[in-house]
């Protein structure tokens, strides 16, 4: 079948959906790293890490041009739902800062309800113990693609309630609303 043609005008979105005003002609591929720069915005290059990366030479990371890092604080198991701290969290947070990188944290969520999302936020807050961040706290619920997961049947509405509960708890603890984000996927470009 032939796909329907795109509408001449974009479909309006309800408030408070915010749209960016990027001019994508300013997005450039700089030796495999995408950068954006116009008169209003300049992108930064960053990474996200967890115990899966093992021992990290943060000085080498900084020398490679990385400007910020999102450090995984922890995760909720996708089968039993137990809360776990990332075993490298404190080390990565400390050493990334020592290397001069801006840092933020993320929590890999498998919450099935608001109560569990609040437990996840509380764990992140305990782990941060009042430490300031230069980057956001990110709520990161992801689909488990190659296995059955406790979140397989979570509705979009429940996902939204979970995200609002997590971000609200972080905000209520004194972390600026602009410093909490929800992501459903972290895009990682293919690298050799």
C-alpha atoms as a PDB file:
ATOM      1  CA  UNK A   1       0.000   0.000   0.000  1.00  0.00           C
ATOM      2  CA  UNK A   2       1.036   3.579  -0.582  1.00  0.00           C
ATOM      3  CA  UNK A   3       1.721   5.580   2.581  1.00  0.00           C
ATOM      4  CA  UNK A   4      -0.487   8.581   3.225  1.00  0.00           C
ATOM      5  CA  UNK A   5       1.116  11.908   2.332  1.00  0.00           C
ATOM      6  CA  UNK A   6       2.306  14.051   5.206  1.00  0.00           C
ATOM      7  CA  UNK A   7       0.010  16.938   6.130  1.00  0.00           C
ATOM      8  CA  UNK A   8       1.012  20.384   4.869  1.00  0.00           C
ATOM      9  CA  UNK A   9       0.996  21.731   8.434  1.00  0.00           C
ATOM     10  CA  UNK A  10       2.145  19.801  11.512  1.00  0.00           C
ATOM     11  CA  UNK A  11      -0.569  18.486  13.781  1.00  0.00           C
ATOM     12  CA  UNK A  12      -0.942  20.825  16.768  1.00  0.00           C
ATOM     13  CA  UNK A  13       0.022  19.360  20.128  1.00  0.00           C
ATOM     14  CA  UNK A  14      -1.749  20.133  23.385  1.00  0.00           C
ATOM     15  CA  UNK A  15      -0.195  22.367  26.013  1.00  0.00           C
ATOM     16  CA  UNK A  16       2.126  21.930  27.834  1.00  0.00           C
ATOM     17  CA  UNK A  17       3.948  19.954  25.126  1.00  0.00           C
ATOM     18  CA  UNK A  18       7.018  21.974  24.335  1.00  0.00           C
ATOM     19  CA  UNK A  19       8.632  21.939  20.924  1.00  0.00           C
ATOM     20  CA  UNK A  20      12.206  22.810  20.204  1.00  0.00           C
ATOM     21  CA  UNK A  21      13.068  25.450  17.660  1.00  0.00           C
ATOM     22  CA  UNK A  22      16.223  23.831  16.332  1.00  0.00           C
ATOM     23  CA  UNK A  23      17.200  24.372  12.726  1.00  0.00           C
ATOM     24  CA  UNK A  24      18.434  20.881  11.878  1.00  0.00           C
ATOM     25  CA  UNK A  25      20.631  22.226   9.075  1.00  0.00           C
ATOM     26  CA  UNK A  26      23.037  23.177  11.901  1.00  0.00           C
ATOM     27  CA  UNK A  27      23.470  19.539  12.957  1.00  0.00           C
ATOM     28  CA  UNK A  28      26.890  18.386  11.757  1.00  0.00           C
ATOM     29  CA  UNK A  29      28.740  15.084  11.842  1.00  0.00           C
ATOM     30  CA  UNK A  30      32.175  15.845  13.282  1.00  0.00           C
ATOM     31  CA  UNK A  31      34.264  12.682  12.801  1.00  0.00           C
ATOM     32  CA  UNK A  32      31.463  10.423  14.017  1.00  0.00           C
ATOM     33  CA  UNK A  33      30.187  12.767  16.732  1.00  0.00           C
ATOM     34  CA  UNK A  34      27.130  14.833  16.031  1.00  0.00           C
ATOM     35  CA  UNK A  35      27.285  18.472  17.088  1.00  0.00           C
ATOM     36  CA  UNK A  36      24.734  21.240  16.912  1.00  0.00           C
ATOM     37  CA  UNK A  37      25.543  24.930  17.022  1.00  0.00           C
ATOM     38  CA  UNK A  38      23.537  27.982  16.060  1.00  0.00           C
ATOM     39  CA  UNK A  39      23.217  31.502  17.473  1.00  0.00           C
ATOM     40  CA  UNK A  40      21.202  30.194  20.458  1.00  0.00           C
ATOM     41  CA  UNK A  41      22.473  26.687  21.197  1.00  0.00           C
ATOM     42  CA  UNK A  42      25.716  24.758  21.304  1.00  0.00           C
ATOM     43  CA  UNK A  43      25.623  21.038  21.990  1.00  0.00           C
ATOM     44  CA  UNK A  44      27.958  19.247  24.372  1.00  0.00           C
ATOM     45  CA  UNK A  45      29.358  15.744  24.101  1.00  0.00           C
ATOM     46  CA  UNK A  46      28.658  13.277  26.874  1.00  0.00           C
ATOM     47  CA  UNK A  47      28.377   9.634  27.817  1.00  0.00           C
ATOM     48  CA  UNK A  48      26.322   7.448  30.126  1.00  0.00           C
ATOM     49  CA  UNK A  49      28.056   4.781  32.194  1.00  0.00           C
ATOM     50  CA  UNK A  50      27.294   1.981  34.609  1.00  0.00           C
ATOM     51  CA  UNK A  51      29.113  -0.999  36.081  1.00  0.00           C
ATOM     52  CA  UNK A  52      28.989  -2.570  32.603  1.00  0.00           C
ATOM     53  CA  UNK A  53      31.853  -0.289  31.509  1.00  0.00           C
ATOM     54  CA  UNK A  54      34.004  -1.544  34.404  1.00  0.00           C
ATOM     55  CA  UNK A  55      37.046   0.467  35.420  1.00  0.00           C
ATOM     56  CA  UNK A  56      37.054   3.838  33.609  1.00  0.00           C
ATOM     57  CA  UNK A  57      40.070   6.066  33.052  1.00  0.00           C
ATOM     58  CA  UNK A  58      38.216   9.351  33.557  1.00  0.00           C
ATOM     59  CA  UNK A  59      41.228  11.488  32.645  1.00  0.00           C
ATOM     60  CA  UNK A  60      41.381   9.707  29.268  1.00  0.00           C
ATOM     61  CA  UNK A  61      37.628  10.253  28.871  1.00  0.00           C
ATOM     62  CA  UNK A  62      38.098  13.979  29.496  1.00  0.00           C
ATOM     63  CA  UNK A  63      41.057  14.123  27.074  1.00  0.00           C
ATOM     64  CA  UNK A  64      38.885  12.461  24.413  1.00  0.00           C
ATOM     65  CA  UNK A  65      36.607  15.512  24.485  1.00  0.00           C
ATOM     66  CA  UNK A  66      33.814  14.229  26.710  1.00  0.00           C
ATOM     67  CA  UNK A  67      32.262  17.132  28.619  1.00  0.00           C
ATOM     68  CA  UNK A  68      29.672  15.401  30.797  1.00  0.00           C
ATOM     69  CA  UNK A  69      28.651  11.994  32.071  1.00  0.00           C
ATOM     70  CA  UNK A  70      25.429  10.471  33.272  1.00  0.00           C
ATOM     71  CA  UNK A  71      26.251   7.948  35.971  1.00  0.00           C
ATOM     72  CA  UNK A  72      23.793   5.135  36.644  1.00  0.00           C
ATOM     73  CA  UNK A  73      22.758   5.337  40.286  1.00  0.00           C
ATOM     74  CA  UNK A  74      20.934   2.032  40.231  1.00  0.00           C
ATOM     75  CA  UNK A  75      18.188  -0.067  38.754  1.00  0.00           C
ATOM     76  CA  UNK A  76      15.146  -2.150  39.540  1.00  0.00           C
ATOM     77  CA  UNK A  77      15.345  -5.757  38.413  1.00  0.00           C
ATOM     78  CA  UNK A  78      13.006  -6.571  35.550  1.00  0.00           C
ATOM     79  CA  UNK A  79      11.915  -9.982  36.850  1.00  0.00           C
ATOM     80  CA  UNK A  80      11.653  -9.796  40.672  1.00  0.00           C
ATOM     81  CA  UNK A  81      11.690  -6.008  40.959  1.00  0.00           C
ATOM     82  CA  UNK A  82      14.398  -5.675  43.584  1.00  0.00           C
ATOM     83  CA  UNK A  83      16.177  -2.322  43.932  1.00  0.00           C
ATOM     84  CA  UNK A  84      19.919  -2.332  43.316  1.00  0.00           C
ATOM     85  CA  UNK A  85      22.607   0.321  43.569  1.00  0.00           C
ATOM     86  CA  UNK A  86      25.106   0.365  40.713  1.00  0.00           C
ATOM     87  CA  UNK A  87      28.331  -1.025  42.182  1.00  0.00           C
ATOM     88  CA  UNK A  88      30.437   1.635  40.420  1.00  0.00           C
ATOM     89  CA  UNK A  89      28.171   4.616  41.200  1.00  0.00           C
ATOM     90  CA  UNK A  90      30.185   6.316  43.947  1.00  0.00           C
ATOM     91  CA  UNK A  91      33.531   5.669  42.243  1.00  0.00           C
ATOM     92  CA  UNK A  92      32.296   6.891  38.851  1.00  0.00           C
ATOM     93  CA  UNK A  93      30.645   9.974  40.336  1.00  0.00           C
ATOM     94  CA  UNK A  94      33.764  10.928  42.317  1.00  0.00           C
ATOM     95  CA  UNK A  95      36.282  10.233  39.542  1.00  0.00           C
ATOM     96  CA  UNK A  96      34.242  11.908  36.787  1.00  0.00           C
ATOM     97  CA  UNK A  97      34.086  15.054  38.931  1.00  0.00           C
ATOM     98  CA  UNK A  98      37.809  14.858  39.705  1.00  0.00           C
ATOM     99  CA  UNK A  99      38.473  14.717  35.958  1.00  0.00           C
ATOM    100  CA  UNK A 100      36.471  17.930  35.512  1.00  0.00           C
ATOM    101  CA  UNK A 101      33.342  16.517  33.875  1.00  0.00           C
ATOM    102  CA  UNK A 102      29.859  17.771  34.645  1.00  0.00           C
ATOM    103  CA  UNK A 103      27.779  14.939  36.084  1.00  0.00           C
ATOM    104  CA  UNK A 104      24.177  13.851  36.235  1.00  0.00           C
ATOM    105  CA  UNK A 105      22.653  10.566  37.320  1.00  0.00           C
ATOM    106  CA  UNK A 106      20.066   8.181  35.960  1.00  0.00           C
ATOM    107  CA  UNK A 107      17.973   5.391  37.375  1.00  0.00           C
ATOM    108  CA  UNK A 108      17.002   2.422  35.201  1.00  0.00           C
ATOM    109  CA  UNK A 109      13.374   1.890  36.183  1.00  0.00           C
ATOM    110  CA  UNK A 110      11.138  -1.131  36.004  1.00  0.00           C
ATOM    111  CA  UNK A 111       8.488   0.333  38.313  1.00  0.00           C
ATOM    112  CA  UNK A 112       4.999  -1.076  37.854  1.00  0.00           C
ATOM    113  CA  UNK A 113       3.255   1.629  39.897  1.00  0.00           C
ATOM    114  CA  UNK A 114       3.761   5.016  41.528  1.00  0.00           C
ATOM    115  CA  UNK A 115       4.791   3.510  44.881  1.00  0.00           C
ATOM    116  CA  UNK A 116       7.693   1.728  43.218  1.00  0.00           C
ATOM    117  CA  UNK A 117       8.687   4.862  41.282  1.00  0.00           C
ATOM    118  CA  UNK A 118       8.784   6.737  44.601  1.00  0.00           C
ATOM    119  CA  UNK A 119      10.997   4.008  46.097  1.00  0.00           C
ATOM    120  CA  UNK A 120      13.364   4.460  43.161  1.00  0.00           C
ATOM    121  CA  UNK A 121      13.480   8.239  43.616  1.00  0.00           C
ATOM    122  CA  UNK A 122      14.081   7.836  47.350  1.00  0.00           C
ATOM    123  CA  UNK A 123      16.997   5.504  46.657  1.00  0.00           C
ATOM    124  CA  UNK A 124      18.557   8.035  44.271  1.00  0.00           C
ATOM    125  CA  UNK A 125      18.140  10.817  46.847  1.00  0.00           C
ATOM    126  CA  UNK A 126      19.763   8.702  49.580  1.00  0.00           C
ATOM    127  CA  UNK A 127      22.642   7.871  47.268  1.00  0.00           C
ATOM    128  CA  UNK A 128      23.187  11.517  46.335  1.00  0.00           C
ATOM    129  CA  UNK A 129      22.972  12.543  50.003  1.00  0.00           C
ATOM    130  CA  UNK A 130      22.703  16.233  49.124  1.00  0.00           C
ATOM    131  CA  UNK A 131      25.508  16.280  46.550  1.00  0.00           C
ATOM    132  CA  UNK A 132      25.013  18.923  43.864  1.00  0.00           C
ATOM    133  CA  UNK A 133      24.796  17.896  40.222  1.00  0.00           C
ATOM    134  CA  UNK A 134      25.569  19.899  37.111  1.00  0.00           C
ATOM    135  CA  UNK A 135      23.321  17.738  34.925  1.00  0.00           C
ATOM    136  CA  UNK A 136      19.826  16.308  35.468  1.00  0.00           C
ATOM    137  CA  UNK A 137      18.512  13.360  37.417  1.00  0.00           C
ATOM    138  CA  UNK A 138      17.054  11.149  34.687  1.00  0.00           C
ATOM    139  CA  UNK A 139      14.239   8.638  35.082  1.00  0.00           C
ATOM    140  CA  UNK A 140      15.078   5.920  32.567  1.00  0.00           C
ATOM    141  CA  UNK A 141      12.362   3.290  32.047  1.00  0.00           C
ATOM    142  CA  UNK A 142      13.279   1.009  29.186  1.00  0.00           C
ATOM    143  CA  UNK A 143      11.679  -1.937  27.483  1.00  0.00           C
ATOM    144  CA  UNK A 144      13.291  -5.334  27.986  1.00  0.00           C
ATOM    145  CA  UNK A 145      13.506  -6.656  24.455  1.00  0.00           C
ATOM    146  CA  UNK A 146      14.782 -10.239  24.673  1.00  0.00           C
ATOM    147  CA  UNK A 147      13.122 -11.488  27.836  1.00  0.00           C
ATOM    148  CA  UNK A 148       9.861 -11.326  29.741  1.00  0.00           C
ATOM    149  CA  UNK A 149       9.690  -8.381  32.113  1.00  0.00           C
ATOM    150  CA  UNK A 150       7.414  -7.340  34.940  1.00  0.00           C
ATOM    151  CA  UNK A 151       6.691  -4.106  33.009  1.00  0.00           C
ATOM    152  CA  UNK A 152       5.566  -5.771  29.770  1.00  0.00           C
ATOM    153  CA  UNK A 153       1.889  -4.970  30.393  1.00  0.00           C
ATOM    154  CA  UNK A 154       2.275  -1.475  31.880  1.00  0.00           C
ATOM    155  CA  UNK A 155      -0.006   1.010  30.137  1.00  0.00           C
ATOM    156  CA  UNK A 156       1.130   4.359  28.830  1.00  0.00           C
ATOM    157  CA  UNK A 157      -1.032   6.031  31.448  1.00  0.00           C
ATOM    158  CA  UNK A 158       0.674   4.088  34.255  1.00  0.00           C
ATOM    159  CA  UNK A 159       4.091   4.845  32.787  1.00  0.00           C
ATOM    160  CA  UNK A 160       3.193   8.547  32.865  1.00  0.00           C
ATOM    161  CA  UNK A 161       2.015   8.347  36.490  1.00  0.00           C
ATOM    162  CA  UNK A 162       5.267   6.575  37.431  1.00  0.00           C
ATOM    163  CA  UNK A 163       7.376   9.221  35.689  1.00  0.00           C
ATOM    164  CA  UNK A 164       5.456  12.055  37.346  1.00  0.00           C
ATOM    165  CA  UNK A 165       5.825  10.428  40.763  1.00  0.00           C
ATOM    166  CA  UNK A 166       9.598   9.930  40.363  1.00  0.00           C
ATOM    167  CA  UNK A 167      10.262  13.420  38.996  1.00  0.00           C
ATOM    168  CA  UNK A 168       7.954  15.013  41.556  1.00  0.00           C
ATOM    169  CA  UNK A 169       9.782  13.351  44.444  1.00  0.00           C
ATOM    170  CA  UNK A 170      13.157  14.502  43.069  1.00  0.00           C
ATOM    171  CA  UNK A 171      11.819  18.047  42.597  1.00  0.00           C
ATOM    172  CA  UNK A 172      10.257  18.079  46.086  1.00  0.00           C
ATOM    173  CA  UNK A 173      13.670  17.201  47.523  1.00  0.00           C
ATOM    174  CA  UNK A 174      15.006  20.486  46.177  1.00  0.00           C
ATOM    175  CA  UNK A 175      16.380  19.491  42.800  1.00  0.00           C
ATOM    176  CA  UNK A 176      15.247  22.076  40.241  1.00  0.00           C
ATOM    177  CA  UNK A 177      12.374  21.035  37.972  1.00  0.00           C
ATOM    178  CA  UNK A 178      14.622  21.755  34.981  1.00  0.00           C
ATOM    179  CA  UNK A 179      17.014  19.154  36.380  1.00  0.00           C
ATOM    180  CA  UNK A 180      14.645  16.159  36.146  1.00  0.00           C
ATOM    181  CA  UNK A 181      14.032  14.373  32.888  1.00  0.00           C
ATOM    182  CA  UNK A 182      12.346  11.277  31.615  1.00  0.00           C
ATOM    183  CA  UNK A 183      13.869   9.243  28.841  1.00  0.00           C
ATOM    184  CA  UNK A 184      12.557   6.107  27.285  1.00  0.00           C
ATOM    185  CA  UNK A 185      15.640   5.400  25.225  1.00  0.00           C
ATOM    186  CA  UNK A 186      19.224   6.530  25.410  1.00  0.00           C
ATOM    187  CA  UNK A 187      20.540   6.660  21.858  1.00  0.00           C
ATOM    188  CA  UNK A 188      24.058   5.330  21.629  1.00  0.00           C
ATOM    189  CA  UNK A 189      25.751   5.786  18.260  1.00  0.00           C
ATOM    190  CA  UNK A 190      27.711   2.848  16.912  1.00  0.00           C
ATOM    191  CA  UNK A 191      31.364   3.226  17.802  1.00  0.00           C
ATOM    192  CA  UNK A 192      34.281   0.963  16.887  1.00  0.00           C
END
